[in-house]
Amino acid sequence: MWLALLTLGGCRVGPDFVRPVPPPVATYTDSASGPSMSEDSARQHLAIGQPVALRWWEVFGSSDLNEVVTHAIASNQTLASAQANLAQAREVLLQARGQYYPQVDASANAEHERLSESSQSGRGTVSSLFSLGGTVSYPLDLFGGVRRHVEQQAALADDAHYQLAAAYLTVTGNSVAQAINIASLRLQIQAVDTILAGDQTNLDLVQLKLSAGKAAESDVLTARTQLETDRTQLPPLNQQLAAARHALSILVGRFPAEWSPPAFDLEQLTLASQLPVSVPSDLVHQRPDILAAESQLHAASAAIGVAAAQLYPSITLSGSLATEATSTSGLFEGPSVIWNLLSGLTAPLFHGGALKAEKRAAVDAYQAAFATYRETVLSAFQQVADVLNALDSDNQLVDAQHRALLASRASLELQRLSYEAGKSSLLQLLDAERSYQQARLGEAKAVAQRYQDVAQLAVAMGGGWWQAAESEWQGWGSGE
């Protein structure tokens, strides 16, 4: 009999989890809609198969940026929350593993009883009984329900680990994005200041011509209107800059009133010449959102086994050992030992179909988790494809904006000379001014967007988090 029970103890009902195979694609985009993985440009090269560095933001060559991201990793509250969730999940896993071992409990009891001899005298005898002992119980995991439950909790602990990695990736990516955004807004503000200086030059020029009798008062009003209109661009930019600075303060776990980020400058950032791009089969094992979805799928698979085990009998072995005496000193004297051994079997006979429905629900939950996993993979590949196409467009856009800036600047200088010589109208001068204004702001935005997309590619590739030692990621969000 015991041999048969031990044989059954090696059985686990429910499916054994198998990791999903990587998607059967070799590239992220098709040749018709974007760059292939082997293409390179004059300024940047896609390093196929090269992993992203753990501290990927260091490619921008900014010590201020490195320091800010380091502070964010140490003090961000989202990371602190993810750390606590991971610690909780691991404790729950240890709790589940405790079911592998016998449960031993100690017990003690004291009773005092008075027996009355007669109702008239009210006298009686008092007796005492003390007992001390313990019980042991051990459920035989015949059909693997306990093991499937432990497997489920282990998968959920893995999920918490990957959620921490995802939080790390989000925090570092957002910190870099906000830093670049600050630099971009400062450059746009500088561009508007330059435009305003040009507007003032135009106004001074018109006023000189008015003094010489070569311009009308309406021309002065038109030039002044242009100056005041362009000034309206500054308040929104200043507001966006303040919001970006506040957002970065929160990312490093500080109040905006007590900490301000550095004055980032796009000209102080370097553009990486090589951009690491993982092959698709590696990406699904690097991105924490995909790995988290896979862990949730694993947990759903184990939950099927937990539900299936409830359809089968369960056996629990238990025993107790106790000693009893009428005084505490007598607990350890004499043959007052009581013991028993028990075995209990519970088999489901009729539950109104609830247990089978629970198993079917677990299967349905697995199907839902698999669909979520597939959607996560598809979204990840879409993000990579979008960023690769954006990087290809960025280089073209920056070049086009720079050429437009040079052309508009030359045109504006000629129009000023022409207007001063009386060969063109004020409207022609202002039209050239507007073209220069658009080109100046367009170049600032295009340069910033290229830096943003370089950062987004590193995030889309997984950010290199898996290269961190356990001692490193244990410090994420610790405040140290």
Foldseek 3Di string as FASTA:
>chain_A
DVVVQVVLLVAFDFDDDDFDAFDPDFFLDDPVQFDTQQDADPFAGEDEADAQALQNVCQQVDPLLSVLLVLLQQAAVQLVVLLVVLVVLVVVLVVLCVLQDKDKDKDKDKDKDWDAPDPVVRDTDIFMKIKIKMKIKHWRCSHCLSVLQSQLSVLVSQLSVLVSLLVSLVLSLLLLLLLLVLQLLVLLLVLLVVLLVVLVVLLVLQVVCVVVVNHDPVLNVVSVVLNVVSVVVPVVSVVVNLVSQQVSCNSSVHGSVVDTRDNHHLVSTDDRRYAYDYTSSVLCVFASVLSSLSSNLSSLSSQLSNLVSLQAKMKMKMKMKMFMDRDPVCSPDDDRIDMDIDMDMDHDDDDPCPSVVSSVVSVVSSVVSVVVSVVVSVVLSVLLRVLNRLLVVLVVQLVVLVVQLVVLVVLLVVVSVCVSVVNDDSVSNVVSSVSNSCSSSSNSVSSSVNSSSSSSNCSSSNSNNVPDDPVVSSSGNNND
